[in-house]
Amino acid sequence: MLLARLARPSSGHARLGEREIDALPEAVTGARIGYAGADTYLFPVSVRENVLYGLKQRELNPVGHDEESRRRHDRFVAEARRAGNPAFDINADWVDYKAAGATGPHDIDRRILDLLPVVELESDIYALGLRGTIDPAGRPGVAEGIMKARDELRARLGDPRFAPLVEPFDRQRYARNMSVAENLLFGTAADAAYAPERLAQNALVLRVLDGLGLTGDFLAMGRQIAETMVELFADLPPGHPFFEQFSFIAAEDLPEFRVMVARISGKGGMENVGAEDRARLMALPFTYVEARHRLGLVDDAMQQRLLKAREALADALPDGAVEVYAIDAYNRAATLQDNILFGRLAYGQAQAAERIGTLIAEVLDKLDLRRTVVGVGLDFNVGNSGKRLNAAQRQKIGLVRALLKRPELLVINDATAVLDAGAQARLMAAILKLRAGRNVIWVLGRPALAEHFDTLLALRDGKVVAQGGFAELRQPGSAVADLLAAE
């Protein structure tokens, strides 16, 4: 932590050459020392931006200005200097691409992608890429590649072994493996007001359903769903996994639905339904998936009525509100995986997700698109403090951030602590191979890994108690021989 300037010395000296580390400019230590610790802080931006943060040393690549923006910038600089503030341009590109071995933003992803396998993060970012979206206008090459993958996958799904695993999109048919909401939209919402979870409050959708005489049917379906859920889940404790897997109703909402069902079942029936209860009942059928929930609520006749509602809604939707599924077009609001699959996984088919996932991976490998998908995964927003990622993924991103700038001195402070022993050993071997001939200081949580290093320092109570090579420190009488022998 002293080397990384995360702690200040209270006594003694810490030097690089003849210079006190604490006296060196941070621009020097920040550029020449890479640090990865047990706790990796991530900003609520993309994976890529978090990785590039270690390369942002100073204002390196100024923004090009036209005459008007130049005048505004000059005024900003003058005011900043008058106020005694730095005059840095926050809109400039501060990334030191040269330090990473890249020439600019167009090839920095190549360097990042090369490092992901080193820390065993590639498969994770690949999965995030499949869940990601792109703008085909801004990335036409990616969209074209994904469309080729769609065609290749469709050909493979013609195999009887795989055909039952996916129900393809078909505008003329009701998809039993899609929710009622997804069937009505037959596309992906580009406007948040038309997201499936908000359709029950959407005035246009409710007006279309009412015009086709479906409001009463939805209320009846909602009542049956509510009664079934109350009956099935009444005796389960809150937090039971079945709520997440099967229930339409959250555990905390179940008591209110129990009261509502009792009210409806009493004298007067549906006449006892007020506006609030009515809205709750109307919302339940939108999440219903016939192939998954199997309550028999969407029979052939109801399917045809819902298909009519689909067409009526398509005619009434505002332009751009929903990106409709079309076999010959890329859907900009849908994920890469949905664009490739162009359908839904079939419920009830053994290991459908795993088998189709393997098939998609084979197609992407054949078309040399895997790195493209991983590149899209770099756009994934990690959330506040990286909370959308697990602890291992956060630590691995911290390692990539430190490795990317190819520092003269790499300090790894127990940065693989959350990984299992096998993963720790593999990552250490890969990183040391990458850093062959360059300085690495590694704080170890497992003494057995010490044999990979030229020089060892053993500390106890904040003091160095042993120093030397691995073979030397294993000898009887060494201050840490017992520690090394224990493993």
Protein backbone atom coordinates (compact mmCIF):
# COMPACT_ATOMS: atom_id res chain seq x y z
CA MET A 1 0.00 0.00 0.00
CA LEU A 2 2.98 2.29 0.55
CA LEU A 3 4.17 1.60 -2.98
CA ALA A 4 0.72 2.38 -4.36
CA ARG A 5 0.54 5.62 -2.33
CA LEU A 6 -2.54 4.31 -0.53
CA ALA A 7 -0.75 4.61 2.82
CA ARG A 8 1.84 7.06 4.07
CA PRO A 9 4.93 5.97 6.01
CA SER A 10 4.86 6.79 9.72
CA SER A 11 8.55 5.96 10.16
CA GLY A 12 11.47 4.57 8.20
CA HIS A 13 11.96 4.97 4.47
CA ALA A 14 10.44 3.57 1.30
CA ARG A 15 12.47 4.36 -1.79
CA LEU A 16 12.50 3.67 -5.49
CA GLY A 17 16.16 3.94 -6.37
CA GLU A 18 17.37 6.95 -4.41
CA ARG A 19 13.99 8.73 -4.33
CA GLU A 20 11.53 8.63 -1.46
CA ILE A 21 8.29 7.19 -2.84
CA ASP A 22 6.19 9.61 -0.84
CA ALA A 23 8.07 12.53 -2.41
CA LEU A 24 7.63 11.40 -6.02
CA PRO A 25 4.93 13.17 -8.05
CA GLU A 26 1.75 11.13 -8.32
CA ALA A 27 1.97 11.53 -12.09
CA VAL A 28 5.13 9.42 -11.92
CA THR A 29 3.95 6.75 -9.49
CA GLY A 30 0.51 6.58 -11.11
CA ALA A 31 1.99 5.93 -14.54
CA ARG A 32 4.79 3.58 -13.55
CA ILE A 33 3.24 1.54 -10.75
CA GLY A 34 0.24 -0.74 -11.21
CA TYR A 35 -1.73 -1.81 -8.12
CA ALA A 36 -4.50 -4.34 -7.59
CA GLY A 37 -5.82 -4.94 -4.10
CA ALA A 38 -8.28 -7.22 -2.34
CA ASP A 39 -10.97 -4.52 -2.52
CA THR A 40 -11.45 -3.22 -6.05
CA TYR A 41 -13.51 -0.06 -6.36
CA LEU A 42 -15.45 0.24 -9.59
CA PHE A 43 -17.23 3.34 -10.84
CA PRO A 44 -20.86 3.07 -12.04
CA VAL A 45 -19.82 3.07 -15.69
CA SER A 46 -18.94 0.39 -18.24
CA VAL A 47 -16.39 -2.37 -17.80
CA ARG A 48 -14.28 -0.66 -20.46
CA GLU A 49 -14.28 2.73 -18.72
CA ASN A 50 -13.33 1.10 -15.41
CA VAL A 51 -10.41 -0.70 -17.04
CA LEU A 52 -9.23 2.43 -18.84
CA TYR A 53 -9.28 4.47 -15.63
CA GLY A 54 -5.74 3.35 -14.81
CA LEU A 55 -4.51 4.89 -18.08
CA LYS A 56 -5.97 8.34 -17.42
CA GLN A 57 -2.83 10.15 -16.39
CA ARG A 58 -3.29 13.63 -17.81
CA GLU A 59 -4.95 15.55 -20.63
CA LEU A 60 -3.26 13.86 -23.58
CA ASN A 61 -5.56 14.10 -26.58
CA PRO A 62 -7.24 17.53 -26.83
CA VAL A 63 -10.72 17.89 -28.27
CA GLY A 64 -10.95 19.44 -31.72
CA HIS A 65 -12.84 22.75 -31.56
CA ASP A 66 -14.66 24.78 -34.17
CA GLU A 67 -14.52 28.56 -33.90
CA GLU A 68 -17.48 28.92 -31.52
CA SER A 69 -16.55 26.03 -29.22
CA ARG A 70 -12.96 27.31 -29.15
CA ARG A 71 -14.20 30.70 -27.87
CA ARG A 72 -16.25 28.96 -25.17
CA HIS A 73 -13.28 26.83 -24.19
CA ASP A 74 -10.95 29.85 -24.02
CA ARG A 75 -13.44 31.64 -21.74
CA PHE A 76 -13.61 28.57 -19.50
CA VAL A 77 -9.79 28.39 -19.29
CA ALA A 78 -9.53 32.12 -18.48
CA GLU A 79 -12.15 31.89 -15.72
CA ALA A 80 -10.59 28.74 -14.26
CA ARG A 81 -7.20 30.40 -14.04
CA ARG A 82 -8.64 33.59 -12.52
CA ALA A 83 -10.29 31.44 -9.84
CA GLY A 84 -7.08 29.55 -9.19
CA ASN A 85 -8.52 26.27 -10.50
CA PRO A 86 -6.96 23.80 -12.94
CA ALA A 87 -7.74 24.58 -16.56
CA PHE A 88 -7.93 20.97 -17.68
CA ASP A 89 -10.45 20.14 -20.40
CA ILE A 90 -12.69 17.41 -18.95
CA ASN A 91 -13.96 16.68 -22.46
CA ALA A 92 -10.50 15.79 -23.74
CA ASP A 93 -9.35 12.18 -24.05
CA TRP A 94 -7.06 11.56 -21.07
CA VAL A 95 -6.23 7.94 -21.89
CA ASP A 96 -2.54 7.11 -22.40
CA TYR A 97 -3.02 4.61 -25.24
CA LYS A 98 0.71 4.31 -25.85
CA ALA A 99 1.28 2.98 -22.33
CA ALA A 100 -1.12 0.14 -23.11
CA GLY A 101 0.56 -0.66 -26.42
CA ALA A 102 -2.29 0.80 -28.47
CA THR A 103 -2.29 3.68 -30.93
CA GLY A 104 -5.68 5.12 -30.05
CA PRO A 105 -9.30 4.39 -29.16
CA HIS A 106 -9.76 2.31 -32.30
CA ASP A 107 -7.44 -0.47 -31.11
CA ILE A 108 -7.47 -0.23 -27.30
CA ASP A 109 -10.18 -2.92 -27.11
CA ARG A 110 -7.74 -5.35 -28.71
CA ARG A 111 -5.36 -4.89 -25.80
CA ILE A 112 -8.15 -5.30 -23.24
CA LEU A 113 -9.47 -8.43 -24.94
CA ASP A 114 -5.98 -9.95 -24.91
CA LEU A 115 -5.84 -9.57 -21.12
CA LEU A 116 -9.25 -11.04 -20.28
CA PRO A 117 -8.14 -14.69 -20.75
CA VAL A 118 -5.08 -14.02 -18.58
CA VAL A 119 -7.33 -13.37 -15.56
CA GLU A 120 -10.01 -15.87 -16.69
CA LEU A 121 -12.60 -13.14 -17.25
CA GLU A 122 -13.30 -13.64 -20.95
CA SER A 123 -16.23 -16.04 -20.51
CA ASP A 124 -17.90 -13.67 -18.02
CA ILE A 125 -17.62 -10.68 -20.36
CA TYR A 126 -18.81 -12.88 -23.25
CA ALA A 127 -21.98 -13.67 -21.27
CA LEU A 128 -22.50 -9.96 -20.59
CA GLY A 129 -22.02 -9.28 -24.30
CA LEU A 130 -24.80 -11.69 -25.24
CA ARG A 131 -27.08 -9.76 -22.88
CA GLY A 132 -25.96 -6.43 -24.31
CA THR A 133 -27.46 -4.28 -27.06
CA ILE A 134 -25.93 -2.25 -29.87
CA ASP A 135 -27.04 0.50 -32.22
CA PRO A 136 -26.77 -1.05 -35.71
CA ALA A 137 -26.38 2.41 -37.24
CA GLY A 138 -23.31 3.06 -35.12
CA ARG A 139 -21.88 -0.46 -35.36
CA PRO A 140 -23.06 -1.85 -38.70
CA GLY A 141 -20.29 -4.46 -38.85
CA VAL A 142 -21.41 -6.01 -35.56
CA ALA A 143 -25.06 -6.05 -36.63
CA GLU A 144 -24.15 -7.68 -39.92
CA GLY A 145 -22.15 -10.37 -38.13
CA ILE A 146 -25.00 -11.10 -35.72
CA MET A 147 -27.42 -11.45 -38.64
CA LYS A 148 -25.07 -14.02 -40.20
CA ALA A 149 -25.02 -15.84 -36.87
CA ARG A 150 -28.84 -15.83 -36.89
CA ASP A 151 -28.91 -17.47 -40.32
CA GLU A 152 -26.33 -20.06 -39.30
CA LEU A 153 -28.19 -20.90 -36.08
CA ARG A 154 -31.52 -21.24 -37.93
CA ALA A 155 -29.89 -23.77 -40.23
CA ARG A 156 -28.61 -25.76 -37.26
CA LEU A 157 -31.99 -25.63 -35.52
CA GLY A 158 -33.34 -27.61 -38.44
CA ASP A 159 -31.64 -30.61 -36.84
CA PRO A 160 -34.32 -32.69 -35.04
CA ARG A 161 -32.05 -32.82 -31.99
CA PHE A 162 -32.27 -29.05 -31.53
CA ALA A 163 -35.53 -28.00 -33.16
CA PRO A 164 -37.70 -28.65 -30.05
CA LEU A 165 -35.45 -26.47 -27.90
CA VAL A 166 -36.46 -23.13 -29.47
CA GLU A 167 -39.80 -21.66 -30.45
CA PRO A 168 -39.02 -19.19 -33.28
CA PHE A 169 -40.72 -15.82 -33.59
CA ASP A 170 -43.64 -15.87 -36.03
CA ARG A 171 -45.90 -12.88 -36.43
CA GLN A 172 -48.81 -15.10 -37.46
CA ARG A 173 -48.60 -17.41 -34.46
CA TYR A 174 -48.99 -17.09 -30.70
CA ALA A 175 -45.78 -18.10 -28.92
CA ARG A 176 -46.54 -20.35 -25.94
CA ASN A 177 -43.03 -19.75 -24.54
CA MET A 178 -43.48 -15.97 -24.42
CA SER A 179 -45.52 -14.04 -21.89
CA VAL A 180 -48.85 -12.50 -22.83
CA ALA A 181 -47.16 -9.08 -22.75
CA GLU A 182 -44.38 -10.21 -25.10
CA ASN A 183 -46.94 -11.74 -27.45
CA LEU A 184 -48.93 -8.51 -27.59
CA LEU A 185 -45.85 -6.42 -28.39
CA PHE A 186 -44.18 -8.98 -30.66
CA GLY A 187 -41.02 -6.96 -30.30
CA THR A 188 -38.78 -5.20 -27.83
CA ALA A 189 -39.82 -1.96 -26.18
CA ALA A 190 -37.70 1.02 -27.25
CA ASP A 191 -39.90 3.32 -25.16
CA ALA A 192 -39.94 2.46 -21.44
CA ALA A 193 -43.70 3.09 -21.33
CA TYR A 194 -44.14 -0.09 -23.39
CA ALA A 195 -41.85 -2.32 -21.34
CA PRO A 196 -43.73 -5.59 -20.57
CA GLU A 197 -43.89 -4.86 -16.83
CA ARG A 198 -45.62 -1.52 -17.52
CA LEU A 199 -48.24 -2.59 -20.05
CA ALA A 200 -50.88 -3.03 -17.37
CA GLN A 201 -50.67 0.73 -16.68
CA ASN A 202 -50.40 1.76 -20.34
CA ALA A 203 -53.55 3.62 -21.43
CA LEU A 204 -53.16 2.70 -25.12
CA VAL A 205 -52.76 -1.02 -24.39
CA LEU A 206 -55.75 -1.04 -22.04
CA ARG A 207 -57.82 0.82 -24.64
CA VAL A 208 -56.97 -1.76 -27.32
CA LEU A 209 -57.85 -4.66 -25.00
CA ASP A 210 -61.12 -3.02 -24.04
CA GLY A 211 -61.98 -2.37 -27.68
CA LEU A 212 -61.62 -6.06 -28.46
CA GLY A 213 -63.64 -7.15 -25.43
CA LEU A 214 -60.63 -8.62 -23.64
CA THR A 215 -60.83 -6.63 -20.42
CA GLY A 216 -63.25 -9.03 -18.80
CA ASP A 217 -61.14 -12.00 -19.91
CA PHE A 218 -58.01 -10.45 -18.39
CA LEU A 219 -59.83 -9.84 -15.10
CA ALA A 220 -61.03 -13.45 -15.06
CA MET A 221 -57.52 -14.70 -15.83
CA GLY A 222 -56.13 -12.45 -13.11
CA ARG A 223 -58.63 -13.80 -10.62
CA GLN A 224 -57.72 -17.42 -11.43
CA ILE A 225 -54.00 -16.67 -11.18
CA ALA A 226 -54.46 -14.91 -7.85
CA GLU A 227 -56.54 -17.74 -6.40
CA THR A 228 -54.04 -20.34 -7.60
CA MET A 229 -51.06 -18.46 -6.20
CA VAL A 230 -52.71 -17.91 -2.82
CA GLU A 231 -53.57 -21.59 -2.61
CA LEU A 232 -50.12 -22.81 -3.64
CA PHE A 233 -47.93 -20.41 -1.72
CA ALA A 234 -49.98 -19.66 1.38
CA ASP A 235 -47.93 -21.95 3.63
CA LEU A 236 -44.47 -21.09 2.28
CA PRO A 237 -42.23 -18.75 4.31
CA PRO A 238 -41.04 -15.45 2.80
CA GLY A 239 -37.79 -15.89 0.90
CA HIS A 240 -38.62 -19.39 -0.27
CA PRO A 241 -37.03 -19.92 -3.73
CA PHE A 242 -40.35 -21.01 -5.22
CA PHE A 243 -41.57 -17.40 -5.04
CA GLU A 244 -38.88 -16.29 -7.43
CA GLN A 245 -39.15 -19.33 -9.68
CA PHE A 246 -42.89 -19.81 -10.02
CA SER A 247 -45.02 -17.17 -8.35
CA PHE A 248 -46.58 -14.17 -10.08
CA ILE A 249 -46.82 -12.53 -6.69
CA ALA A 250 -43.98 -11.45 -4.39
CA ALA A 251 -44.00 -12.95 -0.89
CA GLU A 252 -44.57 -9.52 0.69
CA ASP A 253 -47.66 -8.93 -1.51
CA LEU A 254 -49.25 -12.31 -0.82
CA PRO A 255 -51.24 -11.21 2.30
CA GLU A 256 -52.94 -8.42 0.32
CA PHE A 257 -53.86 -10.83 -2.46
CA ARG A 258 -55.16 -13.31 0.12
CA VAL A 259 -57.52 -10.64 1.45
CA MET A 260 -58.57 -9.68 -2.08
CA VAL A 261 -59.27 -13.30 -3.05
CA ALA A 262 -61.36 -13.76 0.07
CA ARG A 263 -63.31 -10.61 -0.77
CA ILE A 264 -63.92 -11.79 -4.36
CA SER A 265 -64.94 -15.27 -3.20
CA GLY A 266 -67.55 -13.88 -0.85
CA LYS A 267 -71.03 -12.64 -1.56
CA GLY A 268 -71.06 -10.28 -4.52
CA GLY A 269 -67.95 -11.81 -6.15
CA MET A 270 -66.30 -9.51 -8.67
CA GLU A 271 -68.67 -6.70 -7.68
CA ASN A 272 -66.45 -6.30 -4.61
CA VAL A 273 -63.46 -5.42 -6.80
CA GLY A 274 -62.47 -1.80 -6.47
CA ALA A 275 -60.23 0.20 -8.80
CA GLU A 276 -57.03 -0.81 -6.98
CA ASP A 277 -57.91 -4.52 -6.93
CA ARG A 278 -58.97 -4.32 -10.56
CA ALA A 279 -55.58 -2.91 -11.56
CA ARG A 280 -53.80 -5.70 -9.67
CA LEU A 281 -55.89 -8.40 -11.34
CA MET A 282 -55.36 -6.86 -14.79
CA ALA A 283 -51.58 -6.86 -14.30
CA LEU A 284 -51.27 -10.59 -13.52
CA PRO A 285 -52.06 -12.05 -16.99
CA PHE A 286 -49.40 -9.93 -18.71
CA THR A 287 -46.66 -12.03 -17.04
CA TYR A 288 -48.36 -15.36 -17.74
CA VAL A 289 -46.45 -17.85 -19.94
CA GLU A 290 -48.59 -20.78 -21.01
CA ALA A 291 -45.72 -23.24 -21.56
CA ARG A 292 -44.20 -22.39 -18.19
CA HIS A 293 -47.14 -21.90 -15.85
CA ARG A 294 -49.52 -24.43 -17.49
CA LEU A 295 -52.76 -23.16 -16.01
CA GLY A 296 -54.60 -23.55 -19.33
CA LEU A 297 -55.54 -19.86 -19.43
CA VAL A 298 -54.52 -19.28 -23.06
CA ASP A 299 -56.28 -21.91 -25.16
CA ASP A 300 -56.51 -21.86 -28.95
CA ALA A 301 -59.46 -19.47 -28.95
CA MET A 302 -57.72 -17.02 -26.58
CA GLN A 303 -54.57 -17.22 -28.69
CA GLN A 304 -56.48 -16.04 -31.74
CA ARG A 305 -58.02 -13.15 -29.81
CA LEU A 306 -54.62 -12.10 -28.50
CA LEU A 307 -53.22 -12.23 -32.04
CA LYS A 308 -55.95 -9.79 -33.10
CA ALA A 309 -54.94 -7.58 -30.18
CA ARG A 310 -51.31 -7.80 -31.38
CA GLU A 311 -52.26 -6.47 -34.81
CA ALA A 312 -54.51 -3.75 -33.39
CA LEU A 313 -51.78 -2.62 -31.03
CA ALA A 314 -49.18 -2.61 -33.84
CA ASP A 315 -51.41 -0.25 -35.85
CA ALA A 316 -51.90 2.07 -32.87
CA LEU A 317 -48.34 2.20 -31.49
CA PRO A 318 -46.41 5.46 -31.83
CA ASP A 319 -43.48 5.31 -34.25
CA GLY A 320 -40.36 3.89 -32.63
CA ALA A 321 -42.09 2.76 -29.43
CA VAL A 322 -41.47 -0.94 -30.12
CA GLU A 323 -38.87 -2.64 -32.30
CA VAL A 324 -40.86 -5.43 -33.94
CA TYR A 325 -39.23 -8.81 -34.60
CA ALA A 326 -38.49 -9.29 -38.32
CA ILE A 327 -36.45 -12.15 -39.71
CA ASP A 328 -34.52 -9.94 -42.13
CA ALA A 329 -33.81 -7.02 -39.76
CA TYR A 330 -31.60 -6.43 -36.74
CA ASN A 331 -33.60 -5.45 -33.64
CA ARG A 332 -31.72 -2.57 -32.01
CA ALA A 333 -33.66 -2.82 -28.73
CA ALA A 334 -33.11 -6.58 -28.31
CA THR A 335 -30.03 -8.27 -26.87
CA LEU A 336 -27.42 -9.89 -29.08
CA GLN A 337 -28.60 -13.30 -27.92
CA ASP A 338 -32.23 -12.55 -28.80
CA ASN A 339 -31.13 -11.30 -32.22
CA ILE A 340 -29.17 -14.49 -32.82
CA LEU A 341 -31.78 -16.84 -31.40
CA PHE A 342 -34.78 -15.06 -32.97
CA GLY A 343 -37.07 -17.00 -30.70
CA ARG A 344 -37.55 -18.21 -27.15
CA LEU A 345 -36.13 -21.21 -25.37
CA ALA A 346 -38.79 -23.86 -24.91
CA TYR A 347 -39.87 -24.60 -21.34
CA GLY A 348 -39.83 -28.24 -20.29
CA GLN A 349 -36.95 -29.25 -22.56
CA ALA A 350 -34.06 -30.80 -20.64
CA GLN A 351 -30.96 -28.56 -20.52
CA ALA A 352 -32.33 -26.34 -23.29
CA ALA A 353 -30.40 -23.26 -22.13
CA GLU A 354 -27.07 -25.12 -21.89
CA ARG A 355 -27.46 -26.91 -25.22
CA ILE A 356 -28.52 -23.80 -27.13
CA GLY A 357 -25.80 -21.78 -25.38
CA THR A 358 -23.24 -24.27 -26.65
CA LEU A 359 -24.74 -24.11 -30.13
CA ILE A 360 -24.59 -20.30 -30.18
CA ALA A 361 -20.96 -20.42 -29.02
CA GLU A 362 -20.10 -22.84 -31.84
CA VAL A 363 -21.76 -20.56 -34.39
CA LEU A 364 -19.95 -17.48 -33.11
CA ASP A 365 -16.62 -19.32 -33.13
CA LYS A 366 -17.21 -20.52 -36.68
CA LEU A 367 -17.94 -16.96 -37.84
CA ASP A 368 -15.05 -15.55 -35.78
CA LEU A 369 -17.49 -13.39 -33.80
CA ARG A 370 -16.67 -14.38 -30.24
CA ARG A 371 -14.31 -11.44 -29.67
CA THR A 372 -16.94 -9.15 -31.18
CA VAL A 373 -19.46 -10.30 -28.56
CA VAL A 374 -16.86 -9.93 -25.81
CA GLY A 375 -16.23 -6.39 -27.07
CA VAL A 376 -19.94 -5.62 -26.63
CA GLY A 377 -19.66 -7.02 -23.11
CA LEU A 378 -17.15 -4.28 -22.32
CA ASP A 379 -20.05 -1.82 -22.63
CA PHE A 380 -21.83 -3.42 -19.66
CA ASN A 381 -22.50 -0.92 -16.86
CA VAL A 382 -21.21 -2.48 -13.64
CA GLY A 383 -23.57 -0.54 -11.38
CA ASN A 384 -22.89 1.37 -8.18
CA SER A 385 -19.50 0.21 -6.83
CA GLY A 386 -19.64 -2.68 -9.30
CA LYS A 387 -22.57 -4.32 -7.48
CA ARG A 388 -23.92 -5.81 -10.73
CA LEU A 389 -20.85 -8.04 -10.76
CA ASN A 390 -19.75 -10.63 -8.22
CA ALA A 391 -16.68 -10.22 -6.03
CA ALA A 392 -14.46 -12.40 -8.22
CA GLN A 393 -15.37 -10.44 -11.34
CA ARG A 394 -14.63 -7.15 -9.60
CA GLN A 395 -11.21 -8.36 -8.51
CA LYS A 396 -10.40 -9.59 -12.00
CA ILE A 397 -11.33 -6.22 -13.49
CA GLY A 398 -8.96 -4.62 -10.98
CA LEU A 399 -6.20 -6.94 -12.22
CA VAL A 400 -6.88 -6.07 -15.87
CA ARG A 401 -6.81 -2.37 -14.99
CA ALA A 402 -3.38 -2.78 -13.40
CA LEU A 403 -1.99 -4.97 -16.18
CA LEU A 404 -3.27 -2.86 -19.07
CA LYS A 405 -0.87 0.04 -18.53
CA ARG A 406 2.13 -2.34 -18.52
CA PRO A 407 3.65 -0.72 -15.41
CA GLU A 408 7.33 -0.88 -14.54
CA LEU A 409 6.31 -2.22 -11.13
CA LEU A 410 3.18 -4.32 -10.60
CA VAL A 411 1.92 -4.65 -7.02
CA ILE A 412 -0.74 -7.31 -6.36
CA ASN A 413 -1.96 -7.07 -2.79
CA ASP A 414 -3.86 -10.31 -2.16
CA ALA A 415 -6.00 -9.45 -5.20
CA THR A 416 -7.11 -13.04 -5.81
CA ALA A 417 -8.34 -13.66 -2.27
CA VAL A 418 -11.94 -14.50 -3.23
CA LEU A 419 -10.88 -17.15 -5.75
CA ASP A 420 -10.43 -20.82 -4.96
CA ALA A 421 -6.94 -22.29 -4.65
CA GLY A 422 -6.89 -23.67 -8.19
CA ALA A 423 -7.96 -20.37 -9.74
CA GLN A 424 -5.40 -18.47 -7.66
CA ALA A 425 -2.60 -20.72 -8.90
CA ARG A 426 -3.72 -20.47 -12.55
CA LEU A 427 -3.99 -16.68 -12.46
CA MET A 428 -0.61 -16.33 -10.79
CA ALA A 429 1.05 -18.52 -13.43
CA ALA A 430 -0.60 -16.59 -16.27
CA ILE A 431 0.24 -13.17 -14.85
CA LEU A 432 3.85 -14.06 -14.07
CA LYS A 433 4.23 -15.41 -17.60
CA LEU A 434 2.83 -12.18 -19.01
CA ARG A 435 5.15 -10.15 -16.78
CA ALA A 436 8.27 -12.23 -17.47
CA GLY A 437 11.34 -10.03 -17.02
CA ARG A 438 9.36 -7.22 -15.35
CA ASN A 439 8.95 -6.39 -11.68
CA VAL A 440 6.13 -7.97 -9.67
CA ILE A 441 5.51 -7.67 -5.93
CA TRP A 442 2.78 -10.05 -4.79
CA VAL A 443 1.28 -10.19 -1.30
CA LEU A 444 0.29 -13.82 -0.86
CA GLY A 445 -2.53 -15.30 1.14
CA ARG A 446 -1.20 -18.84 0.60
CA PRO A 447 2.48 -19.44 1.46
CA ALA A 448 2.66 -22.43 -0.90
CA LEU A 449 2.54 -20.03 -3.87
CA ALA A 450 5.76 -18.38 -2.71
CA GLU A 451 7.94 -20.84 -4.64
CA HIS A 452 7.16 -18.95 -7.86
CA PHE A 453 9.11 -15.87 -6.74
CA ASP A 454 12.80 -15.00 -6.71
CA THR A 455 12.83 -13.16 -3.39
CA LEU A 456 10.53 -13.61 -0.41
CA LEU A 457 9.85 -11.29 2.50
CA ALA A 458 8.02 -12.68 5.51
CA LEU A 459 6.39 -10.18 7.87
CA ARG A 460 5.10 -10.69 11.39
CA ASP A 461 3.56 -7.93 13.50
CA GLY A 462 4.57 -5.39 10.87
CA LYS A 463 8.25 -6.37 10.83
CA VAL A 464 10.33 -8.38 8.37
CA VAL A 465 11.26 -11.65 10.08
CA ALA A 466 12.74 -13.53 7.12
CA GLN A 467 14.10 -12.73 3.69
CA GLY A 468 15.57 -14.88 0.91
CA GLY A 469 14.71 -17.53 -1.67
CA PHE A 470 12.00 -20.18 -1.25
CA ALA A 471 14.46 -23.06 -0.78
CA GLU A 472 16.41 -21.04 1.78
CA LEU A 473 13.36 -20.15 3.86
CA ARG A 474 12.13 -23.73 3.90
CA GLN A 475 15.25 -24.89 5.73
CA PRO A 476 14.85 -25.88 9.40
CA GLY A 477 15.51 -22.96 11.66
CA SER A 478 14.04 -20.38 9.35
CA ALA A 479 11.54 -18.04 10.98
CA VAL A 480 8.85 -19.19 8.53
CA ALA A 481 9.87 -22.82 7.89
CA ASP A 482 6.91 -24.13 9.87
CA LEU A 483 4.53 -21.89 7.91
CA LEU A 484 5.80 -23.12 4.56
CA ALA A 485 5.90 -26.74 5.70
CA ALA A 486 2.27 -26.58 6.81
CA GLU A 487 1.16 -26.35 3.20
